[in-house]
């Protein structure tokens, strides 16, 4: 480091990471160990770091992805990190020294000769957080739409969650439950891969990126007791034909929506309501505390945003994306 700060940054191994990961208040997929492993196929090298304060208390974790180029140059990417052992998303950032933490992270990598650093902090949007990132010498990419999403509190009783839904969402769910449709979880890898082929074709036809199907496949191969990729599919009872599915990641105390698809029959039978409610119920059965709807931002298509907002969850918006270009 070029200067001493009140925070220390140290690389840790998998066992240490998994032990501390259990302490993270709101984990996200992009900071998970398994996501870093999945990104290796795209020539990214993950580095896992623990952040400690002046009292040597661990306060958070950050997974950094590095892609190296010739002549000791490269790109650093931090997506939705660091993650903290304190709930700064819903309770605010008043007790977190954002500037000091990001100065420490920046300085940790200044030993490299030439770096381009892209970061998307897991920090709620506010004037205070915007100022902190500016003082830490990061340049905000104003053209990038800040990530936002919504979380459903699953600690509540299912009846209470149902009553909190918007009137239209609740009505549509009740109508879907009357249809001749069944929902099952796919556990066979071959069946999951068939769904991913359908999803890939859907991406190409609708010309959207979403979550790359190749990444989902890599995550499936990384599934373990800490992270599992779940496929919930709907089938017509008379023909047993699949008419929709959703893909979720179940991870520690949160389940995260990754992707979904339905055909004409699925849309007629409103299986999107049925599938999402099924995923919610399964999450509760696994004693998961939160369901994250996987993104509701200013650039989310209106129909999708309206559908997700109907669950009336806790909406949050992050501070955006930043760039740092520096020489050591």
C-alpha atoms as a PDB file:
ATOM      1  CA  UNK A   1       0.000   0.000   0.000  1.00  0.00           C
ATOM      2  CA  UNK A   2       1.190   3.521  -0.773  1.00  0.00           C
ATOM      3  CA  UNK A   3      -0.314   4.918   2.443  1.00  0.00           C
ATOM      4  CA  UNK A   4      -1.483   3.468   5.708  1.00  0.00           C
ATOM      5  CA  UNK A   5      -5.203   3.412   6.329  1.00  0.00           C
ATOM      6  CA  UNK A   6      -7.348   2.408   9.266  1.00  0.00           C
ATOM      7  CA  UNK A   7      -8.452  -0.709   7.365  1.00  0.00           C
ATOM      8  CA  UNK A   8      -6.475  -3.811   6.447  1.00  0.00           C
ATOM      9  CA  UNK A   9      -7.183  -5.979   3.415  1.00  0.00           C
ATOM     10  CA  UNK A  10      -6.029  -9.597   3.397  1.00  0.00           C
ATOM     11  CA  UNK A  11      -6.498 -12.504   1.035  1.00  0.00           C
ATOM     12  CA  UNK A  12      -8.136 -15.597   2.546  1.00  0.00           C
ATOM     13  CA  UNK A  13      -8.704 -19.219   1.519  1.00  0.00           C
ATOM     14  CA  UNK A  14     -11.993 -20.982   0.862  1.00  0.00           C
ATOM     15  CA  UNK A  15     -12.493 -22.376   4.373  1.00  0.00           C
ATOM     16  CA  UNK A  16     -11.954 -18.964   5.951  1.00  0.00           C
ATOM     17  CA  UNK A  17     -14.207 -17.314   3.347  1.00  0.00           C
ATOM     18  CA  UNK A  18     -17.071 -19.758   3.887  1.00  0.00           C
ATOM     19  CA  UNK A  19     -16.849 -19.311   7.639  1.00  0.00           C
ATOM     20  CA  UNK A  20     -17.104 -15.527   7.326  1.00  0.00           C
ATOM     21  CA  UNK A  21     -19.663 -15.724   4.511  1.00  0.00           C
ATOM     22  CA  UNK A  22     -22.205 -17.008   7.026  1.00  0.00           C
ATOM     23  CA  UNK A  23     -21.937 -13.652   8.809  1.00  0.00           C
ATOM     24  CA  UNK A  24     -22.874 -11.568   5.750  1.00  0.00           C
ATOM     25  CA  UNK A  25     -26.238  -9.871   6.287  1.00  0.00           C
ATOM     26  CA  UNK A  26     -27.324  -9.793   2.631  1.00  0.00           C
ATOM     27  CA  UNK A  27     -25.158 -12.011   0.425  1.00  0.00           C
ATOM     28  CA  UNK A  28     -25.434 -11.690  -3.345  1.00  0.00           C
ATOM     29  CA  UNK A  29     -24.532 -14.041  -6.163  1.00  0.00           C
ATOM     30  CA  UNK A  30     -21.723 -11.917  -7.612  1.00  0.00           C
ATOM     31  CA  UNK A  31     -19.759 -11.967  -4.376  1.00  0.00           C
ATOM     32  CA  UNK A  32     -20.182 -15.711  -3.798  1.00  0.00           C
ATOM     33  CA  UNK A  33     -17.187 -18.030  -4.017  1.00  0.00           C
ATOM     34  CA  UNK A  34     -19.050 -20.133  -6.592  1.00  0.00           C
ATOM     35  CA  UNK A  35     -19.571 -17.155  -8.908  1.00  0.00           C
ATOM     36  CA  UNK A  36     -15.831 -16.484  -8.882  1.00  0.00           C
ATOM     37  CA  UNK A  37     -15.149 -20.105  -9.782  1.00  0.00           C
ATOM     38  CA  UNK A  38     -17.704 -19.960 -12.602  1.00  0.00           C
ATOM     39  CA  UNK A  39     -16.023 -16.838 -14.060  1.00  0.00           C
ATOM     40  CA  UNK A  40     -12.729 -18.691 -14.454  1.00  0.00           C
ATOM     41  CA  UNK A  41     -13.985 -20.111 -17.771  1.00  0.00           C
ATOM     42  CA  UNK A  42     -13.931 -16.511 -19.078  1.00  0.00           C
ATOM     43  CA  UNK A  43     -10.306 -16.082 -17.970  1.00  0.00           C
ATOM     44  CA  UNK A  44     -11.107 -14.076 -14.842  1.00  0.00           C
ATOM     45  CA  UNK A  45      -9.046 -14.818 -11.752  1.00  0.00           C
ATOM     46  CA  UNK A  46     -10.944 -14.377  -8.470  1.00  0.00           C
ATOM     47  CA  UNK A  47      -9.258 -12.972  -5.377  1.00  0.00           C
ATOM     48  CA  UNK A  48     -11.106 -13.168  -2.063  1.00  0.00           C
ATOM     49  CA  UNK A  49     -10.344 -10.580   0.574  1.00  0.00           C
ATOM     50  CA  UNK A  50     -11.444  -9.876   4.124  1.00  0.00           C
ATOM     51  CA  UNK A  51     -11.704  -6.276   5.340  1.00  0.00           C
ATOM     52  CA  UNK A  52     -10.762  -5.531   8.953  1.00  0.00           C
ATOM     53  CA  UNK A  53     -10.919  -2.287  10.915  1.00  0.00           C
ATOM     54  CA  UNK A  54      -8.307  -0.689  13.168  1.00  0.00           C
ATOM     55  CA  UNK A  55      -9.369  -2.986  16.027  1.00  0.00           C
ATOM     56  CA  UNK A  56      -8.723  -6.040  13.822  1.00  0.00           C
ATOM     57  CA  UNK A  57     -12.462  -6.777  13.722  1.00  0.00           C
ATOM     58  CA  UNK A  58     -13.609  -8.309  10.440  1.00  0.00           C
ATOM     59  CA  UNK A  59     -16.324  -6.105   8.932  1.00  0.00           C
ATOM     60  CA  UNK A  60     -16.849  -7.489   5.452  1.00  0.00           C
ATOM     61  CA  UNK A  61     -15.722  -9.480   2.432  1.00  0.00           C
ATOM     62  CA  UNK A  62     -14.966  -8.542  -1.144  1.00  0.00           C
ATOM     63  CA  UNK A  63     -14.437 -10.790  -4.146  1.00  0.00           C
ATOM     64  CA  UNK A  64     -12.332  -9.193  -6.857  1.00  0.00           C
ATOM     65  CA  UNK A  65     -12.097 -10.517 -10.428  1.00  0.00           C
ATOM     66  CA  UNK A  66      -8.910  -9.833 -12.354  1.00  0.00           C
ATOM     67  CA  UNK A  67      -8.195 -10.317 -16.040  1.00  0.00           C
ATOM     68  CA  UNK A  68      -4.534  -9.937 -16.871  1.00  0.00           C
ATOM     69  CA  UNK A  69      -3.084  -8.712 -20.178  1.00  0.00           C
ATOM     70  CA  UNK A  70       0.508  -8.493 -21.491  1.00  0.00           C
ATOM     71  CA  UNK A  71       2.994  -5.967 -20.068  1.00  0.00           C
ATOM     72  CA  UNK A  72       1.669  -6.333 -16.508  1.00  0.00           C
ATOM     73  CA  UNK A  73      -1.612  -4.599 -17.291  1.00  0.00           C
ATOM     74  CA  UNK A  74      -5.154  -5.757 -16.759  1.00  0.00           C
ATOM     75  CA  UNK A  75      -8.680  -5.078 -15.579  1.00  0.00           C
ATOM     76  CA  UNK A  76     -10.035  -5.305 -12.049  1.00  0.00           C
ATOM     77  CA  UNK A  77     -13.761  -5.870 -11.546  1.00  0.00           C
ATOM     78  CA  UNK A  78     -15.694  -5.665  -8.276  1.00  0.00           C
ATOM     79  CA  UNK A  79     -19.380  -6.373  -8.783  1.00  0.00           C
ATOM     80  CA  UNK A  80     -21.737  -5.677  -5.864  1.00  0.00           C
ATOM     81  CA  UNK A  81     -19.063  -5.746  -3.233  1.00  0.00           C
ATOM     82  CA  UNK A  82     -17.917  -5.499  -0.558  1.00  0.00           C
ATOM     83  CA  UNK A  83     -20.610  -7.324   1.391  1.00  0.00           C
ATOM     84  CA  UNK A  84     -20.788  -6.452   5.068  1.00  0.00           C
ATOM     85  CA  UNK A  85     -21.634  -8.094   8.367  1.00  0.00           C
ATOM     86  CA  UNK A  86     -23.878  -5.066   9.053  1.00  0.00           C
ATOM     87  CA  UNK A  87     -27.145  -4.365   7.238  1.00  0.00           C
ATOM     88  CA  UNK A  88     -26.223  -1.198   5.351  1.00  0.00           C
ATOM     89  CA  UNK A  89     -28.828  -1.656   2.598  1.00  0.00           C
ATOM     90  CA  UNK A  90     -31.990  -1.248   4.639  1.00  0.00           C
ATOM     91  CA  UNK A  91     -30.592   0.419   7.773  1.00  0.00           C
ATOM     92  CA  UNK A  92     -28.310   2.966   6.144  1.00  0.00           C
ATOM     93  CA  UNK A  93     -24.591   3.639   5.970  1.00  0.00           C
ATOM     94  CA  UNK A  94     -24.098   6.116   8.805  1.00  0.00           C
ATOM     95  CA  UNK A  95     -21.833   3.787  10.792  1.00  0.00           C
ATOM     96  CA  UNK A  96     -19.747   2.661   7.792  1.00  0.00           C
ATOM     97  CA  UNK A  97     -16.695   4.617   6.646  1.00  0.00           C
ATOM     98  CA  UNK A  98     -17.236   4.134   2.923  1.00  0.00           C
ATOM     99  CA  UNK A  99     -14.457   6.460   1.862  1.00  0.00           C
ATOM    100  CA  UNK A 100     -11.906   4.756   4.106  1.00  0.00           C
ATOM    101  CA  UNK A 101     -12.906   1.278   2.951  1.00  0.00           C
ATOM    102  CA  UNK A 102     -12.709   2.146  -0.739  1.00  0.00           C
ATOM    103  CA  UNK A 103      -9.422   3.995  -0.335  1.00  0.00           C
ATOM    104  CA  UNK A 104      -8.037   0.834   1.286  1.00  0.00           C
ATOM    105  CA  UNK A 105      -9.316  -1.379  -1.529  1.00  0.00           C
ATOM    106  CA  UNK A 106      -7.928   0.993  -4.146  1.00  0.00           C
ATOM    107  CA  UNK A 107      -4.526   1.146  -2.487  1.00  0.00           C
ATOM    108  CA  UNK A 108      -4.364  -2.635  -2.182  1.00  0.00           C
ATOM    109  CA  UNK A 109      -4.173  -2.837  -5.993  1.00  0.00           C
ATOM    110  CA  UNK A 110      -1.930   0.172  -6.647  1.00  0.00           C
ATOM    111  CA  UNK A 111       1.122  -2.072  -6.415  1.00  0.00           C
ATOM    112  CA  UNK A 112       0.308  -3.178  -9.977  1.00  0.00           C
ATOM    113  CA  UNK A 113       1.904  -1.204 -12.799  1.00  0.00           C
ATOM    114  CA  UNK A 114      -1.190  -0.339 -14.818  1.00  0.00           C
ATOM    115  CA  UNK A 115      -4.822  -1.101 -13.971  1.00  0.00           C
ATOM    116  CA  UNK A 116      -8.282  -0.199 -15.116  1.00  0.00           C
ATOM    117  CA  UNK A 117     -10.639  -0.728 -12.205  1.00  0.00           C
ATOM    118  CA  UNK A 118     -14.421  -1.080 -12.620  1.00  0.00           C
ATOM    119  CA  UNK A 119     -16.490  -1.270  -9.451  1.00  0.00           C
ATOM    120  CA  UNK A 120     -20.194  -1.507  -8.685  1.00  0.00           C
ATOM    121  CA  UNK A 121     -20.360  -1.114  -4.893  1.00  0.00           C
ATOM    122  CA  UNK A 122     -23.003  -2.823  -2.778  1.00  0.00           C
ATOM    123  CA  UNK A 123     -23.902   0.557  -1.310  1.00  0.00           C
ATOM    124  CA  UNK A 124     -27.371   2.141  -1.216  1.00  0.00           C
ATOM    125  CA  UNK A 125     -27.842   5.234  -3.369  1.00  0.00           C
ATOM    126  CA  UNK A 126     -27.610   8.492  -1.412  1.00  0.00           C
ATOM    127  CA  UNK A 127     -25.822  11.830  -1.549  1.00  0.00           C
ATOM    128  CA  UNK A 128     -23.574  10.563   1.241  1.00  0.00           C
ATOM    129  CA  UNK A 129     -22.457   7.471  -0.675  1.00  0.00           C
ATOM    130  CA  UNK A 130     -21.961   9.432  -3.916  1.00  0.00           C
ATOM    131  CA  UNK A 131     -19.691  11.852  -2.047  1.00  0.00           C
ATOM    132  CA  UNK A 132     -17.776   9.021  -0.352  1.00  0.00           C
ATOM    133  CA  UNK A 133     -16.934   7.363  -3.680  1.00  0.00           C
ATOM    134  CA  UNK A 134     -15.864  10.715  -5.135  1.00  0.00           C
ATOM    135  CA  UNK A 135     -13.574  11.384  -2.161  1.00  0.00           C
ATOM    136  CA  UNK A 136     -12.106   7.894  -2.581  1.00  0.00           C
ATOM    137  CA  UNK A 137     -11.048   9.019  -6.099  1.00  0.00           C
ATOM    138  CA  UNK A 138     -13.464   6.939  -8.170  1.00  0.00           C
ATOM    139  CA  UNK A 139     -15.131   8.392 -11.278  1.00  0.00           C
ATOM    140  CA  UNK A 140     -18.871   7.700 -11.581  1.00  0.00           C
ATOM    141  CA  UNK A 141     -20.127   6.293 -14.892  1.00  0.00           C
ATOM    142  CA  UNK A 142     -23.289   8.366 -15.178  1.00  0.00           C
ATOM    143  CA  UNK A 143     -24.541   6.582 -18.296  1.00  0.00           C
ATOM    144  CA  UNK A 144     -24.737   3.295 -16.418  1.00  0.00           C
ATOM    145  CA  UNK A 145     -28.148   2.707 -14.843  1.00  0.00           C
ATOM    146  CA  UNK A 146     -27.677   1.887 -11.132  1.00  0.00           C
ATOM    147  CA  UNK A 147     -28.782  -1.585 -10.134  1.00  0.00           C
ATOM    148  CA  UNK A 148     -31.913  -1.849  -8.051  1.00  0.00           C
ATOM    149  CA  UNK A 149     -34.103  -4.685  -6.881  1.00  0.00           C
ATOM    150  CA  UNK A 150     -36.690  -5.727  -4.331  1.00  0.00           C
ATOM    151  CA  UNK A 151     -36.502  -8.115  -1.386  1.00  0.00           C
ATOM    152  CA  UNK A 152     -39.362 -10.059   0.137  1.00  0.00           C
ATOM    153  CA  UNK A 153     -39.150 -10.759   3.868  1.00  0.00           C
ATOM    154  CA  UNK A 154     -39.785 -14.494   4.209  1.00  0.00           C
ATOM    155  CA  UNK A 155     -39.638 -14.482   7.999  1.00  0.00           C
ATOM    156  CA  UNK A 156     -43.251 -13.350   7.916  1.00  0.00           C
ATOM    157  CA  UNK A 157     -46.059 -15.905   7.840  1.00  0.00           C
ATOM    158  CA  UNK A 158     -47.081 -16.985   4.333  1.00  0.00           C
ATOM    159  CA  UNK A 159     -50.588 -15.619   4.914  1.00  0.00           C
ATOM    160  CA  UNK A 160     -49.140 -12.218   5.818  1.00  0.00           C
ATOM    161  CA  UNK A 161     -46.970 -12.210   2.691  1.00  0.00           C
ATOM    162  CA  UNK A 162     -50.008 -13.111   0.591  1.00  0.00           C
ATOM    163  CA  UNK A 163     -52.009 -10.255   2.079  1.00  0.00           C
ATOM    164  CA  UNK A 164     -49.180  -7.808   1.361  1.00  0.00           C
ATOM    165  CA  UNK A 165     -49.266  -8.530  -2.389  1.00  0.00           C
ATOM    166  CA  UNK A 166     -50.925  -6.009  -4.658  1.00  0.00           C
ATOM    167  CA  UNK A 167     -54.602  -6.707  -5.343  1.00  0.00           C
ATOM    168  CA  UNK A 168     -53.920  -7.595  -8.986  1.00  0.00           C
ATOM    169  CA  UNK A 169     -51.012  -9.880  -8.114  1.00  0.00           C
ATOM    170  CA  UNK A 170     -53.051 -11.725  -5.501  1.00  0.00           C
ATOM    171  CA  UNK A 171     -55.996 -12.111  -7.885  1.00  0.00           C
ATOM    172  CA  UNK A 172     -53.770 -13.372 -10.715  1.00  0.00           C
ATOM    173  CA  UNK A 173     -52.137 -15.922  -8.396  1.00  0.00           C
ATOM    174  CA  UNK A 174     -55.542 -17.258  -7.316  1.00  0.00           C
ATOM    175  CA  UNK A 175     -56.604 -17.585 -10.948  1.00  0.00           C
ATOM    176  CA  UNK A 176     -53.369 -19.379 -11.857  1.00  0.00           C
ATOM    177  CA  UNK A 177     -53.840 -21.834  -9.007  1.00  0.00           C
ATOM    178  CA  UNK A 178     -57.181 -22.891 -10.536  1.00  0.00           C
ATOM    179  CA  UNK A 179     -55.581 -23.806 -13.878  1.00  0.00           C
ATOM    180  CA  UNK A 180     -54.749 -27.346 -14.984  1.00  0.00           C
ATOM    181  CA  UNK A 181     -51.051 -26.835 -14.328  1.00  0.00           C
ATOM    182  CA  UNK A 182     -48.548 -28.528 -12.037  1.00  0.00           C
ATOM    183  CA  UNK A 183     -45.230 -27.161 -10.780  1.00  0.00           C
ATOM    184  CA  UNK A 184     -42.249 -29.410 -10.108  1.00  0.00           C
ATOM    185  CA  UNK A 185     -38.587 -28.911  -9.321  1.00  0.00           C
ATOM    186  CA  UNK A 186     -36.155 -30.318 -11.859  1.00  0.00           C
ATOM    187  CA  UNK A 187     -33.202 -32.142 -10.341  1.00  0.00           C
ATOM    188  CA  UNK A 188     -31.815 -33.922 -13.423  1.00  0.00           C
ATOM    189  CA  UNK A 189     -28.902 -32.115 -15.066  1.00  0.00           C
ATOM    190  CA  UNK A 190     -30.012 -33.116 -18.559  1.00  0.00           C
ATOM    191  CA  UNK A 191     -33.478 -31.620 -17.972  1.00  0.00           C
ATOM    192  CA  UNK A 192     -31.918 -28.417 -16.661  1.00  0.00           C
ATOM    193  CA  UNK A 193     -29.729 -28.187 -19.767  1.00  0.00           C
ATOM    194  CA  UNK A 194     -32.821 -28.536 -21.971  1.00  0.00           C
ATOM    195  CA  UNK A 195     -34.345 -25.564 -20.142  1.00  0.00           C
ATOM    196  CA  UNK A 196     -31.183 -23.560 -20.730  1.00  0.00           C
ATOM    197  CA  UNK A 197     -31.403 -24.267 -24.473  1.00  0.00           C
ATOM    198  CA  UNK A 198     -34.966 -22.940 -24.426  1.00  0.00           C
ATOM    199  CA  UNK A 199     -33.802 -19.886 -22.492  1.00  0.00           C
ATOM    200  CA  UNK A 200     -30.912 -19.292 -24.924  1.00  0.00           C
ATOM    201  CA  UNK A 201     -33.304 -19.342 -27.886  1.00  0.00           C
ATOM    202  CA  UNK A 202     -35.625 -17.009 -25.976  1.00  0.00           C
ATOM    203  CA  UNK A 203     -32.740 -14.563 -25.434  1.00  0.00           C
ATOM    204  CA  UNK A 204     -31.891 -14.621 -29.141  1.00  0.00           C
ATOM    205  CA  UNK A 205     -35.499 -14.186 -30.269  1.00  0.00           C
ATOM    206  CA  UNK A 206     -36.251 -11.328 -27.857  1.00  0.00           C
ATOM    207  CA  UNK A 207     -32.755  -9.842 -28.308  1.00  0.00           C
ATOM    208  CA  UNK A 208     -31.929  -9.363 -24.648  1.00  0.00           C
ATOM    209  CA  UNK A 209     -28.914 -10.355 -22.588  1.00  0.00           C
ATOM    210  CA  UNK A 210     -30.245 -11.137 -19.132  1.00  0.00           C
ATOM    211  CA  UNK A 211     -28.144 -13.630 -17.228  1.00  0.00           C
ATOM    212  CA  UNK A 212     -25.979 -15.505 -19.765  1.00  0.00           C
ATOM    213  CA  UNK A 213     -27.099 -19.119 -20.064  1.00  0.00           C
ATOM    214  CA  UNK A 214     -23.430 -20.173 -20.085  1.00  0.00           C
ATOM    215  CA  UNK A 215     -22.969 -18.581 -16.654  1.00  0.00           C
ATOM    216  CA  UNK A 216     -26.046 -20.355 -15.283  1.00  0.00           C
ATOM    217  CA  UNK A 217     -24.660 -23.661 -16.536  1.00  0.00           C
ATOM    218  CA  UNK A 218     -21.308 -22.953 -14.872  1.00  0.00           C
ATOM    219  CA  UNK A 219     -23.096 -22.134 -11.624  1.00  0.00           C
ATOM    220  CA  UNK A 220     -25.022 -25.418 -11.785  1.00  0.00           C
ATOM    221  CA  UNK A 221     -21.697 -27.252 -11.890  1.00  0.00           C
ATOM    222  CA  UNK A 222     -20.561 -25.265  -8.835  1.00  0.00           C
ATOM    223  CA  UNK A 223     -23.647 -26.184  -6.783  1.00  0.00           C
ATOM    224  CA  UNK A 224     -22.925 -27.326  -3.231  1.00  0.00           C
ATOM    225  CA  UNK A 225     -24.350 -27.017   0.288  1.00  0.00           C
ATOM    226  CA  UNK A 226     -23.667 -23.270   0.276  1.00  0.00           C
ATOM    227  CA  UNK A 227     -25.188 -22.475  -3.143  1.00  0.00           C
ATOM    228  CA  UNK A 228     -27.717 -24.366  -5.255  1.00  0.00           C
ATOM    229  CA  UNK A 229     -29.316 -23.475  -8.593  1.00  0.00           C
ATOM    230  CA  UNK A 230     -33.013 -24.393  -8.557  1.00  0.00           C
ATOM    231  CA  UNK A 231     -35.256 -24.956 -11.603  1.00  0.00           C
ATOM    232  CA  UNK A 232     -39.025 -24.787 -10.987  1.00  0.00           C
ATOM    233  CA  UNK A 233     -41.038 -25.810 -14.045  1.00  0.00           C
ATOM    234  CA  UNK A 234     -44.743 -25.779 -14.886  1.00  0.00           C
ATOM    235  CA  UNK A 235     -46.425 -28.452 -16.992  1.00  0.00           C
ATOM    236  CA  UNK A 236     -49.873 -28.777 -18.551  1.00  0.00           C
ATOM    237  CA  UNK A 237     -51.716 -31.603 -16.778  1.00  0.00           C
ATOM    238  CA  UNK A 238     -53.381 -33.023 -19.898  1.00  0.00           C
ATOM    239  CA  UNK A 239     -50.334 -33.071 -22.201  1.00  0.00           C
ATOM    240  CA  UNK A 240     -47.500 -32.908 -19.649  1.00  0.00           C
ATOM    241  CA  UNK A 241     -45.851 -30.264 -21.833  1.00  0.00           C
ATOM    242  CA  UNK A 242     -43.642 -27.694 -20.169  1.00  0.00           C
ATOM    243  CA  UNK A 243     -45.070 -24.181 -20.482  1.00  0.00           C
ATOM    244  CA  UNK A 244     -42.802 -22.204 -18.181  1.00  0.00           C
ATOM    245  CA  UNK A 245     -39.938 -22.194 -15.707  1.00  0.00           C
ATOM    246  CA  UNK A 246     -38.025 -19.963 -13.321  1.00  0.00           C
ATOM    247  CA  UNK A 247     -34.411 -20.328 -12.245  1.00  0.00           C
ATOM    248  CA  UNK A 248     -33.359 -19.328  -8.727  1.00  0.00           C
ATOM    249  CA  UNK A 249     -30.183 -19.449  -6.698  1.00  0.00           C
ATOM    250  CA  UNK A 250     -30.663 -20.587  -3.097  1.00  0.00           C
ATOM    251  CA  UNK A 251     -27.756 -19.238  -1.102  1.00  0.00           C
ATOM    252  CA  UNK A 252     -27.455 -19.061   2.658  1.00  0.00           C
ATOM    253  CA  UNK A 253     -30.298 -16.816   3.880  1.00  0.00           C
ATOM    254  CA  UNK A 254     -31.432 -15.536   0.467  1.00  0.00           C
ATOM    255  CA  UNK A 255     -32.970 -16.920  -2.716  1.00  0.00           C
ATOM    256  CA  UNK A 256     -32.327 -14.915  -5.892  1.00  0.00           C
ATOM    257  CA  UNK A 257     -34.321 -14.855  -9.113  1.00  0.00           C
ATOM    258  CA  UNK A 258     -32.035 -15.471 -12.110  1.00  0.00           C
ATOM    259  CA  UNK A 259     -34.215 -16.085 -15.145  1.00  0.00           C
ATOM    260  CA  UNK A 260     -37.648 -17.106 -16.348  1.00  0.00           C
ATOM    261  CA  UNK A 261     -39.504 -18.202 -19.460  1.00  0.00           C
ATOM    262  CA  UNK A 262     -43.039 -19.075 -20.516  1.00  0.00           C
ATOM    263  CA  UNK A 263     -44.693 -19.912 -23.830  1.00  0.00           C
ATOM    264  CA  UNK A 264     -48.149 -18.897 -25.043  1.00  0.00           C
ATOM    265  CA  UNK A 265     -49.823 -21.593 -22.964  1.00  0.00           C
ATOM    266  CA  UNK A 266     -47.873 -20.484 -19.909  1.00  0.00           C
ATOM    267  CA  UNK A 267     -48.893 -16.873 -20.365  1.00  0.00           C
ATOM    268  CA  UNK A 268     -52.533 -17.886 -20.827  1.00  0.00           C
ATOM    269  CA  UNK A 269     -52.357 -19.885 -17.598  1.00  0.00           C
ATOM    270  CA  UNK A 270     -50.426 -17.075 -15.821  1.00  0.00           C
ATOM    271  CA  UNK A 271     -47.720 -19.512 -14.747  1.00  0.00           C
ATOM    272  CA  UNK A 272     -45.310 -16.671 -13.971  1.00  0.00           C
ATOM    273  CA  UNK A 273     -47.379 -15.951 -10.844  1.00  0.00           C
ATOM    274  CA  UNK A 274     -47.606 -19.615  -9.953  1.00  0.00           C
ATOM    275  CA  UNK A 275     -43.889 -20.280 -10.449  1.00  0.00           C
ATOM    276  CA  UNK A 276     -42.697 -17.293  -8.473  1.00  0.00           C
ATOM    277  CA  UNK A 277     -45.053 -18.071  -5.597  1.00  0.00           C
ATOM    278  CA  UNK A 278     -43.846 -21.691  -5.635  1.00  0.00           C
ATOM    279  CA  UNK A 279     -40.223 -20.500  -5.435  1.00  0.00           C
ATOM    280  CA  UNK A 280     -41.184 -18.249  -2.534  1.00  0.00           C
ATOM    281  CA  UNK A 281     -42.852 -21.124  -0.671  1.00  0.00           C
ATOM    282  CA  UNK A 282     -39.879 -23.417  -1.294  1.00  0.00           C
ATOM    283  CA  UNK A 283     -37.563 -20.713   0.022  1.00  0.00           C
ATOM    284  CA  UNK A 284     -39.589 -20.471   3.221  1.00  0.00           C
ATOM    285  CA  UNK A 285     -39.478 -24.263   3.599  1.00  0.00           C
ATOM    286  CA  UNK A 286     -35.670 -24.046   3.460  1.00  0.00           C
ATOM    287  CA  UNK A 287     -35.723 -21.442   6.267  1.00  0.00           C
ATOM    288  CA  UNK A 288     -34.470 -18.755   3.890  1.00  0.00           C
ATOM    289  CA  UNK A 289     -35.080 -15.235   5.208  1.00  0.00           C
ATOM    290  CA  UNK A 290     -35.178 -13.185   2.012  1.00  0.00           C
ATOM    291  CA  UNK A 291     -36.203 -13.567  -1.622  1.00  0.00           C
ATOM    292  CA  UNK A 292     -34.512 -11.146  -4.019  1.00  0.00           C
ATOM    293  CA  UNK A 293     -36.360 -10.485  -7.276  1.00  0.00           C
ATOM    294  CA  UNK A 294     -33.109 -10.159  -9.195  1.00  0.00           C
ATOM    295  CA  UNK A 295     -33.379  -6.618 -10.479  1.00  0.00           C
ATOM    296  CA  UNK A 296     -35.845  -3.751 -10.831  1.00  0.00           C
ATOM    297  CA  UNK A 297     -34.037  -0.763 -12.299  1.00  0.00           C
ATOM    298  CA  UNK A 298     -34.919   2.221 -14.461  1.00  0.00           C
ATOM    299  CA  UNK A 299     -34.115   0.191 -17.598  1.00  0.00           C
ATOM    300  CA  UNK A 300     -36.204  -2.855 -16.626  1.00  0.00           C
ATOM    301  CA  UNK A 301     -39.003  -3.423 -19.190  1.00  0.00           C
ATOM    302  CA  UNK A 302     -42.285  -2.000 -17.892  1.00  0.00           C
ATOM    303  CA  UNK A 303     -44.145  -5.307 -17.890  1.00  0.00           C
ATOM    304  CA  UNK A 304     -41.462  -7.111 -15.898  1.00  0.00           C
ATOM    305  CA  UNK A 305     -41.053  -4.211 -13.477  1.00  0.00           C
ATOM    306  CA  UNK A 306     -44.818  -4.031 -12.911  1.00  0.00           C
ATOM    307  CA  UNK A 307     -44.981  -7.788 -12.281  1.00  0.00           C
ATOM    308  CA  UNK A 308     -42.135  -7.732  -9.742  1.00  0.00           C
ATOM    309  CA  UNK A 309     -43.326  -4.587  -7.984  1.00  0.00           C
ATOM    310  CA  UNK A 310     -46.658  -6.293  -7.395  1.00  0.00           C
ATOM    311  CA  UNK A 311     -45.049  -8.376  -4.657  1.00  0.00           C
ATOM    312  CA  UNK A 312     -44.663  -5.165  -2.638  1.00  0.00           C
ATOM    313  CA  UNK A 313     -41.180  -5.975  -1.341  1.00  0.00           C
ATOM    314  CA  UNK A 314     -38.523  -3.701   0.120  1.00  0.00           C
ATOM    315  CA  UNK A 315     -37.073  -1.806  -2.860  1.00  0.00           C
ATOM    316  CA  UNK A 316     -33.425  -0.775  -2.871  1.00  0.00           C
ATOM    317  CA  UNK A 317     -31.208   1.060  -5.330  1.00  0.00           C
ATOM    318  CA  UNK A 318     -27.417   0.943  -5.365  1.00  0.00           C
ATOM    319  CA  UNK A 319     -24.977   3.767  -5.889  1.00  0.00           C
ATOM    320  CA  UNK A 320     -24.019   2.883  -9.474  1.00  0.00           C
ATOM    321  CA  UNK A 321     -20.811   1.986 -11.312  1.00  0.00           C
ATOM    322  CA  UNK A 322     -17.399   3.613 -11.040  1.00  0.00           C
ATOM    323  CA  UNK A 323     -14.069   3.669 -12.792  1.00  0.00           C
ATOM    324  CA  UNK A 324     -10.549   4.118 -11.515  1.00  0.00           C
ATOM    325  CA  UNK A 325      -7.537   4.360 -13.814  1.00  0.00           C
ATOM    326  CA  UNK A 326      -4.188   4.619 -12.102  1.00  0.00           C
ATOM    327  CA  UNK A 327      -0.480   4.007 -12.261  1.00  0.00           C
ATOM    328  CA  UNK A 328       1.461   2.811  -9.258  1.00  0.00           C
END
